[in-house]
C-alpha atoms as a PDB file:
ATOM      1  CA  MET A   1     248.567-132.189  10.015  1.00  0.00           C
ATOM      2  CA  ASN A   2     247.875-133.937  13.143  1.00  0.00           C
ATOM      3  CA  TRP A   3     250.581-132.369  15.700  1.00  0.00           C
ATOM      4  CA  TYR A   4     249.307-134.543  18.610  1.00  0.00           C
ATOM      5  CA  LYS A   5     251.037-137.529  17.108  1.00  0.00           C
ATOM      6  CA  TYR A   6     254.371-135.950  17.746  1.00  0.00           C
ATOM      7  CA  ALA A   7     253.759-136.185  21.584  1.00  0.00           C
ATOM      8  CA  SER A   8     254.889-139.683  21.322  1.00  0.00           C
ATOM      9  CA  PRO A   9     258.675-140.440  21.360  1.00  0.00           C
ATOM     10  CA  VAL A  10     258.404-142.694  18.434  1.00  0.00           C
ATOM     11  CA  ASN A  11     257.133-139.968  16.036  1.00  0.00           C
ATOM     12  CA  PHE A  12     258.993-137.029  17.689  1.00  0.00           C
ATOM     13  CA  TYR A  13     262.589-138.747  17.363  1.00  0.00           C
ATOM     14  CA  PRO A  14     262.740-138.722  13.503  1.00  0.00           C
ATOM     15  CA  LEU A  15     261.044-135.350  13.333  1.00  0.00           C
ATOM     16  CA  ALA A  16     263.545-133.836  15.541  1.00  0.00           C
ATOM     17  CA  GLY A  17     266.501-135.467  13.488  1.00  0.00           C
ATOM     18  CA  LYS A  18     264.916-133.800  10.276  1.00  0.00           C
ATOM     19  CA  ILE A  19     264.801-130.401  11.836  1.00  0.00           C
ATOM     20  CA  LEU A  20     268.336-130.338  13.754  1.00  0.00           C
ATOM     21  CA  PRO A  21     270.572-129.455  10.537  1.00  0.00           C
ATOM     22  CA  TRP A  22     268.358-126.551   9.510  1.00  0.00           C
ATOM     23  CA  LEU A  23     268.404-125.228  13.116  1.00  0.00           C
ATOM     24  CA  THR A  24     272.217-125.726  13.089  1.00  0.00           C
ATOM     25  CA  GLY A  25     272.759-123.527  10.083  1.00  0.00           C
ATOM     26  CA  LEU A  26     270.380-120.836  11.298  1.00  0.00           C
ATOM     27  CA  THR A  27     272.162-120.799  14.544  1.00  0.00           C
ATOM     28  CA  VAL A  28     275.615-120.197  13.073  1.00  0.00           C
ATOM     29  CA  LEU A  29     274.175-117.518  10.598  1.00  0.00           C
ATOM     30  CA  LEU A  30     272.257-115.494  13.399  1.00  0.00           C
ATOM     31  CA  PHE A  31     275.548-115.537  15.817  1.00  0.00           C
ATOM     32  CA  ALA A  32     277.587-114.477  12.693  1.00  0.00           C
ATOM     33  CA  VAL A  33     275.255-111.654  12.059  1.00  0.00           C
ATOM     34  CA  GLY A  34     274.761-110.721  15.703  1.00  0.00           C
ATOM     35  CA  LEU A  35     278.412-110.496  16.468  1.00  0.00           C
ATOM     36  CA  TYR A  36     279.187-108.432  13.445  1.00  0.00           C
ATOM     37  CA  LEU A  37     276.439-105.905  14.600  1.00  0.00           C
ATOM     38  CA  SER A  38     277.554-105.975  18.009  1.00  0.00           C
ATOM     39  CA  PHE A  39     281.331-105.330  17.199  1.00  0.00           C
ATOM     40  CA  PHE A  40     281.188-103.326  14.122  1.00  0.00           C
ATOM     41  CA  VAL A  41     277.891-101.490  13.727  1.00  0.00           C
ATOM     42  CA  ALA A  42     276.798-100.668  17.249  1.00  0.00           C
ATOM     43  CA  PRO A  43     278.067 -97.425  18.572  1.00  0.00           C
ATOM     44  CA  PRO A  44     281.932 -97.736  19.316  1.00  0.00           C
ATOM     45  CA  VAL A  45     281.916 -96.055  22.719  1.00  0.00           C
ATOM     46  CA  ASP A  46     279.132 -95.637  25.338  1.00  0.00           C
ATOM     47  CA  PHE A  47     279.761 -92.252  27.086  1.00  0.00           C
ATOM     48  CA  GLN A  48     279.446 -93.772  30.660  1.00  0.00           C
ATOM     49  CA  GLN A  49     280.767 -97.355  30.282  1.00  0.00           C
ATOM     50  CA  GLY A  50     283.146 -97.226  27.346  1.00  0.00           C
ATOM     51  CA  HIS A  51     283.727-100.377  25.336  1.00  0.00           C
ATOM     52  CA  SER A  52     282.839-102.528  28.314  1.00  0.00           C
ATOM     53  CA  TYR A  53     278.982-102.002  27.345  1.00  0.00           C
ATOM     54  CA  ARG A  54     279.407-104.581  24.509  1.00  0.00           C
ATOM     55  CA  ILE A  55     279.225-107.298  27.216  1.00  0.00           C
ATOM     56  CA  ILE A  56     275.449-106.430  27.323  1.00  0.00           C
ATOM     57  CA  PHE A  57     275.224-108.240  23.786  1.00  0.00           C
ATOM     58  CA  ILE A  58     275.943-111.564  25.473  1.00  0.00           C
ATOM     59  CA  HIS A  59     274.904-110.929  29.080  1.00  0.00           C
ATOM     60  CA  VAL A  60     271.342-109.624  28.466  1.00  0.00           C
ATOM     61  CA  PRO A  61     270.388-112.521  25.852  1.00  0.00           C
ATOM     62  CA  ALA A  62     271.876-115.000  28.380  1.00  0.00           C
ATOM     63  CA  ALA A  63     269.969-113.537  31.148  1.00  0.00           C
ATOM     64  CA  TRP A  64     266.751-113.674  29.288  1.00  0.00           C
ATOM     65  CA  MET A  65     267.276-117.200  28.187  1.00  0.00           C
ATOM     66  CA  GLY A  66     268.070-118.400  31.671  1.00  0.00           C
ATOM     67  CA  MET A  67     264.710-117.324  32.925  1.00  0.00           C
ATOM     68  CA  PHE A  68     262.684-118.319  29.903  1.00  0.00           C
ATOM     69  CA  LEU A  69     264.206-121.769  29.730  1.00  0.00           C
ATOM     70  CA  TYR A  70     263.306-122.179  33.441  1.00  0.00           C
ATOM     71  CA  VAL A  71     259.747-121.472  32.954  1.00  0.00           C
ATOM     72  CA  LEU A  72     259.574-123.660  30.002  1.00  0.00           C
ATOM     73  CA  MET A  73     261.373-126.428  31.927  1.00  0.00           C
ATOM     74  CA  ALA A  74     258.660-125.968  34.749  1.00  0.00           C
ATOM     75  CA  VAL A  75     255.903-126.146  32.155  1.00  0.00           C
ATOM     76  CA  TYR A  76     257.064-129.350  30.498  1.00  0.00           C
ATOM     77  CA  ALA A  77     257.687-130.913  33.746  1.00  0.00           C
ATOM     78  CA  GLY A  78     254.298-129.980  34.938  1.00  0.00           C
ATOM     79  CA  ILE A  79     252.621-131.427  32.042  1.00  0.00           C
ATOM     80  CA  GLY A  80     254.599-134.683  32.331  1.00  0.00           C
ATOM     81  CA  TRP A  81     253.720-134.932  35.926  1.00  0.00           C
ATOM     82  CA  ALA A  82     250.135-134.178  35.437  1.00  0.00           C
ATOM     83  CA  PHE A  83     249.335-136.101  32.395  1.00  0.00           C
ATOM     84  CA  ASN A  84     252.104-138.792  32.661  1.00  0.00           C
ATOM     85  CA  ALA A  85     253.288-137.433  29.273  1.00  0.00           C
ATOM     86  CA  ARG A  86     256.738-139.040  28.928  1.00  0.00           C
ATOM     87  CA  LEU A  87     257.911-136.816  26.175  1.00  0.00           C
ATOM     88  CA  ALA A  88     257.045-133.858  28.173  1.00  0.00           C
ATOM     89  CA  SER A  89     259.220-134.988  31.059  1.00  0.00           C
ATOM     90  CA  MET A  90     262.100-135.887  28.629  1.00  0.00           C
ATOM     91  CA  MET A  91     261.742-132.265  27.297  1.00  0.00           C
ATOM     92  CA  ALA A  92     262.284-130.792  30.892  1.00  0.00           C
ATOM     93  CA  THR A  93     265.262-133.071  31.694  1.00  0.00           C
ATOM     94  CA  ALA A  94     266.817-131.896  28.212  1.00  0.00           C
ATOM     95  CA  ILE A  95     266.162-128.153  28.816  1.00  0.00           C
ATOM     96  CA  ALA A  96     267.856-128.086  32.249  1.00  0.00           C
ATOM     97  CA  PRO A  97     271.411-128.069  31.247  1.00  0.00           C
ATOM     98  CA  THR A  98     271.131-125.443  28.492  1.00  0.00           C
ATOM     99  CA  GLY A  99     269.233-123.133  30.981  1.00  0.00           C
ATOM    100  CA  ALA A 100     271.887-123.730  33.725  1.00  0.00           C
ATOM    101  CA  ILE A 101     274.593-122.868  31.014  1.00  0.00           C
ATOM    102  CA  PHE A 102     272.896-119.528  30.038  1.00  0.00           C
ATOM    103  CA  THR A 103     272.290-118.681  33.785  1.00  0.00           C
ATOM    104  CA  PHE A 104     276.020-119.361  34.529  1.00  0.00           C
ATOM    105  CA  ILE A 105     276.983-117.144  31.390  1.00  0.00           C
ATOM    106  CA  SER A 106     274.844-114.389  32.566  1.00  0.00           C
ATOM    107  CA  LEU A 107     276.379-114.408  36.001  1.00  0.00           C
ATOM    108  CA  VAL A 108     279.893-114.566  34.622  1.00  0.00           C
ATOM    109  CA  THR A 109     279.426-111.625  32.014  1.00  0.00           C
ATOM    110  CA  GLY A 110     277.498-109.699  34.696  1.00  0.00           C
ATOM    111  CA  SER A 111     280.398-109.923  37.174  1.00  0.00           C
ATOM    112  CA  LEU A 112     282.784-108.775  34.228  1.00  0.00           C
ATOM    113  CA  TRP A 113     280.534-105.964  33.315  1.00  0.00           C
ATOM    114  CA  GLY A 114     280.147-104.888  37.110  1.00  0.00           C
ATOM    115  CA  ARG A 115     283.917-104.494  37.619  1.00  0.00           C
ATOM    116  CA  PRO A 116     284.509-101.363  35.478  1.00  0.00           C
ATOM    117  CA  THR A 117     280.800-100.111  36.050  1.00  0.00           C
ATOM    118  CA  TRP A 118     280.221-100.602  39.739  1.00  0.00           C
ATOM    119  CA  GLY A 119     283.881-101.001  40.919  1.00  0.00           C
ATOM    120  CA  VAL A 120     283.448-104.647  42.109  1.00  0.00           C
ATOM    121  CA  TYR A 121     283.005-108.066  40.461  1.00  0.00           C
ATOM    122  CA  TRP A 122     280.204-109.068  42.914  1.00  0.00           C
ATOM    123  CA  ALA A 123     277.770-107.390  45.131  1.00  0.00           C
ATOM    124  CA  TRP A 124     274.862-109.005  46.837  1.00  0.00           C
ATOM    125  CA  ASP A 125     272.422-107.067  44.669  1.00  0.00           C
ATOM    126  CA  ALA A 126     268.808-108.251  44.583  1.00  0.00           C
ATOM    127  CA  ARG A 127     269.048-109.365  40.953  1.00  0.00           C
ATOM    128  CA  MET A 128     272.482-110.913  41.174  1.00  0.00           C
ATOM    129  CA  THR A 129     271.549-112.824  44.155  1.00  0.00           C
ATOM    130  CA  SER A 130     268.256-114.122  42.691  1.00  0.00           C
ATOM    131  CA  THR A 131     269.805-115.115  39.480  1.00  0.00           C
ATOM    132  CA  LEU A 132     272.355-117.056  41.706  1.00  0.00           C
ATOM    133  CA  ILE A 133     269.468-118.792  43.212  1.00  0.00           C
ATOM    134  CA  LEU A 134     268.192-119.643  39.744  1.00  0.00           C
ATOM    135  CA  MET A 135     271.544-121.175  39.012  1.00  0.00           C
ATOM    136  CA  PHE A 136     271.144-123.394  42.204  1.00  0.00           C
ATOM    137  CA  LEU A 137     267.652-124.405  41.142  1.00  0.00           C
ATOM    138  CA  TYR A 138     268.910-125.684  37.889  1.00  0.00           C
ATOM    139  CA  ILE A 139     271.721-127.398  39.630  1.00  0.00           C
ATOM    140  CA  GLY A 140     269.222-128.820  42.111  1.00  0.00           C
ATOM    141  CA  PHE A 141     266.770-130.123  39.262  1.00  0.00           C
ATOM    142  CA  ILE A 142     269.448-131.830  37.612  1.00  0.00           C
ATOM    143  CA  SER A 143     271.133-133.348  40.631  1.00  0.00           C
ATOM    144  CA  LEU A 144     267.888-134.343  42.057  1.00  0.00           C
ATOM    145  CA  GLN A 145     266.802-136.367  38.819  1.00  0.00           C
ATOM    146  CA  SER A 146     270.339-137.868  38.536  1.00  0.00           C
ATOM    147  CA  SER A 147     269.981-139.107  42.073  1.00  0.00           C
ATOM    148  CA  ILE A 148     266.863-141.273  41.556  1.00  0.00           C
ATOM    149  CA  GLU A 149     267.244-144.379  39.663  1.00  0.00           C
ATOM    150  CA  ASP A 150     263.545-144.634  38.684  1.00  0.00           C
ATOM    151  CA  THR A 151     262.802-142.340  35.907  1.00  0.00           C
ATOM    152  CA  ARG A 152     259.134-141.765  36.730  1.00  0.00           C
ATOM    153  CA  ARG A 153     259.832-140.822  40.197  1.00  0.00           C
ATOM    154  CA  ALA A 154     262.749-138.684  39.110  1.00  0.00           C
ATOM    155  CA  ASP A 155     260.551-136.854  36.827  1.00  0.00           C
ATOM    156  CA  ARG A 156     257.905-136.245  39.516  1.00  0.00           C
ATOM    157  CA  ALA A 157     260.416-135.045  42.030  1.00  0.00           C
ATOM    158  CA  GLY A 158     262.019-132.830  39.425  1.00  0.00           C
ATOM    159  CA  ALA A 159     258.574-131.414  38.630  1.00  0.00           C
ATOM    160  CA  VAL A 160     257.792-130.512  42.128  1.00  0.00           C
ATOM    161  CA  LEU A 161     261.146-128.485  42.413  1.00  0.00           C
ATOM    162  CA  ALA A 162     260.858-126.882  39.017  1.00  0.00           C
ATOM    163  CA  LEU A 163     257.316-125.618  39.752  1.00  0.00           C
ATOM    164  CA  VAL A 164     258.203-124.385  43.276  1.00  0.00           C
ATOM    165  CA  GLY A 165     261.111-122.622  41.866  1.00  0.00           C
ATOM    166  CA  VAL A 166     259.064-120.793  39.346  1.00  0.00           C
ATOM    167  CA  ILE A 167     258.399-118.035  42.066  1.00  0.00           C
ATOM    168  CA  ASN A 168     262.010-116.881  41.620  1.00  0.00           C
ATOM    169  CA  ILE A 169     261.488-115.761  38.090  1.00  0.00           C
ATOM    170  CA  PRO A 170     259.354-112.607  38.754  1.00  0.00           C
ATOM    171  CA  ILE A 171     261.545-112.004  41.771  1.00  0.00           C
ATOM    172  CA  ILE A 172     264.604-111.689  39.192  1.00  0.00           C
ATOM    173  CA  TYR A 173     262.464-109.667  36.940  1.00  0.00           C
ATOM    174  CA  PHE A 174     260.814-107.189  39.252  1.00  0.00           C
ATOM    175  CA  SER A 175     263.872-107.034  41.692  1.00  0.00           C
ATOM    176  CA  VAL A 176     265.039-103.651  40.145  1.00  0.00           C
ATOM    177  CA  GLN A 177     261.624-102.095  41.029  1.00  0.00           C
ATOM    178  CA  TRP A 178     261.126-103.743  44.453  1.00  0.00           C
ATOM    179  CA  TRP A 179     264.347-103.019  46.010  1.00  0.00           C
ATOM    180  CA  ASN A 180     267.180-100.624  45.666  1.00  0.00           C
ATOM    181  CA  SER A 181     269.595-102.215  43.039  1.00  0.00           C
ATOM    182  CA  LEU A 182     272.678-101.571  41.327  1.00  0.00           C
ATOM    183  CA  HIS A 183     271.096-102.742  37.971  1.00  0.00           C
ATOM    184  CA  GLN A 184     269.483-100.182  35.806  1.00  0.00           C
ATOM    185  CA  GLY A 185     265.769-100.674  34.986  1.00  0.00           C
ATOM    186  CA  ALA A 186     264.453-102.238  31.690  1.00  0.00           C
ATOM    187  CA  THR A 187     265.589-100.579  28.499  1.00  0.00           C
ATOM    188  CA  ILE A 188     263.319-102.650  26.327  1.00  0.00           C
ATOM    189  CA  ARG A 189     259.737-102.222  26.866  1.00  0.00           C
ATOM    190  CA  ILE A 190     256.757-103.523  24.879  1.00  0.00           C
ATOM    191  CA  ALA A 191     254.523-100.510  25.565  1.00  0.00           C
ATOM    192  CA  ASN A 192     257.227 -97.868  25.569  1.00  0.00           C
ATOM    193  CA  LYS A 193     259.937 -96.778  23.131  1.00  0.00           C
ATOM    194  CA  PRO A 194     263.439 -98.508  23.852  1.00  0.00           C
ATOM    195  CA  THR A 195     265.973 -96.376  25.554  1.00  0.00           C
ATOM    196  CA  MET A 196     268.912 -97.636  23.380  1.00  0.00           C
ATOM    197  CA  ALA A 197     270.189 -96.900  20.037  1.00  0.00           C
ATOM    198  CA  THR A 198     268.439 -98.793  17.215  1.00  0.00           C
ATOM    199  CA  SER A 199     271.744-100.435  16.133  1.00  0.00           C
ATOM    200  CA  MET A 200     272.362-101.634  19.712  1.00  0.00           C
ATOM    201  CA  LEU A 201     268.692-102.964  20.002  1.00  0.00           C
ATOM    202  CA  VAL A 202     268.963-104.789  16.561  1.00  0.00           C
ATOM    203  CA  ALA A 203     272.273-106.559  17.537  1.00  0.00           C
ATOM    204  CA  MET A 204     270.820-107.610  20.892  1.00  0.00           C
ATOM    205  CA  LEU A 205     267.695-108.876  19.295  1.00  0.00           C
ATOM    206  CA  VAL A 206     269.613-110.666  16.659  1.00  0.00           C
ATOM    207  CA  LEU A 207     271.786-112.434  19.296  1.00  0.00           C
ATOM    208  CA  LEU A 208     268.712-113.254  21.355  1.00  0.00           C
ATOM    209  CA  ALA A 209     267.349-115.122  18.425  1.00  0.00           C
ATOM    210  CA  ALA A 210     270.560-116.922  17.977  1.00  0.00           C
ATOM    211  CA  CYS A 211     270.383-118.064  21.567  1.00  0.00           C
ATOM    212  CA  TRP A 212     266.800-119.361  21.016  1.00  0.00           C
ATOM    213  CA  ILE A 213     267.579-121.211  17.869  1.00  0.00           C
ATOM    214  CA  TYR A 214     270.759-122.718  19.470  1.00  0.00           C
ATOM    215  CA  SER A 215     268.583-123.682  22.490  1.00  0.00           C
ATOM    216  CA  ILE A 216     266.118-125.337  20.343  1.00  0.00           C
ATOM    217  CA  ALA A 217     268.778-127.205  18.331  1.00  0.00           C
ATOM    218  CA  VAL A 218     270.789-128.388  21.584  1.00  0.00           C
ATOM    219  CA  ILE A 219     267.618-129.381  23.422  1.00  0.00           C
ATOM    220  CA  LEU A 220     266.274-131.318  20.573  1.00  0.00           C
ATOM    221  CA  ALA A 221     269.626-133.241  20.137  1.00  0.00           C
ATOM    222  CA  ARG A 222     269.687-133.917  23.793  1.00  0.00           C
ATOM    223  CA  VAL A 223     266.056-135.154  24.044  1.00  0.00           C
ATOM    224  CA  ARG A 224     266.854-137.445  21.282  1.00  0.00           C
ATOM    225  CA  CYS A 225     269.679-138.952  23.306  1.00  0.00           C
ATOM    226  CA  ILE A 226     267.212-139.278  26.237  1.00  0.00           C
ATOM    227  CA  ILE A 227     264.685-141.007  24.084  1.00  0.00           C
ATOM    228  CA  LEU A 228     267.181-143.450  22.910  1.00  0.00           C
ATOM    229  CA  GLU A 229     268.151-144.100  26.626  1.00  0.00           C
ATOM    230  CA  ARG A 230     264.860-144.440  28.117  1.00  0.00           C
ATOM    231  CA  GLU A 231     263.199-146.233  25.124  1.00  0.00           C
ATOM    232  CA  ARG A 232     265.968-148.642  24.585  1.00  0.00           C
ATOM    233  CA  ASP A 233     263.896-151.733  24.873  1.00  0.00           C
ATOM    234  CA  ALA A 234     260.983-150.392  22.894  1.00  0.00           C
ATOM    235  CA  PRO A 235     260.036-152.372  19.798  1.00  0.00           C
ATOM    236  CA  TRP A 236     260.219-149.317  17.443  1.00  0.00           C
ATOM    237  CA  LEU A 237     263.922-148.927  18.065  1.00  0.00           C
ATOM    238  CA  ALA A 238     264.527-152.333  16.350  1.00  0.00           C
ATOM    239  CA  GLU A 239     263.521-150.536  13.220  1.00  0.00           C
ATOM    240  CA  PRO A 240     265.658-148.362  11.209  1.00  0.00           C
ATOM    241  CA  VAL A 241     265.192-144.547  12.443  1.00  0.00           C
ATOM    242  CA  SER A 242     266.749-141.272  11.186  1.00  0.00           C
END
């Protein structure tokens, strides 16, 4: 199969439409399984944090997704800028709102988790502050693109901001090692054994997979709308498409 042909909006649009129903069903299934595991299978009480620890099953996947989607957005924006690839720029535009939502969720759930754990909803901790900066970068990207009428200029300006902002991602990740932080270190490491119970780890990974599939589905739906908006005068739109 020639996958390069799907780099064109005319070919990508119907493909995304065919994939969406499957992704939607898988998202619902994974969220249902993940929430069941996190509420009914994972240990009922953490000896230090009580039931409040269950927030991690939403907070941690949301935080990971906020960072991963920003890197993905920057990659697509950079490809669109470097190679004048229209679909790549559209993908970057479609990713930004989903990344911003996950980052917002991580900030809110982190604050709710912090109150019983640290005694405050917000502390100017290195990781919390750098995550807040990530939220502002998403908002800046979306606002910058919205403020420029010419879509090509908007894509280029957004690409510059996205690529410069990537430097914040390693700062978020390594902040607990570089500075004194209220956050605990990583509990899931590729090279070492995880420091959490297996049932907790499985629940978290299932919900992370659910967030990934949800993100793909929402981004594909959004990019189809962007294609229709930007390609509205293209001849292929006059033909029936699914």
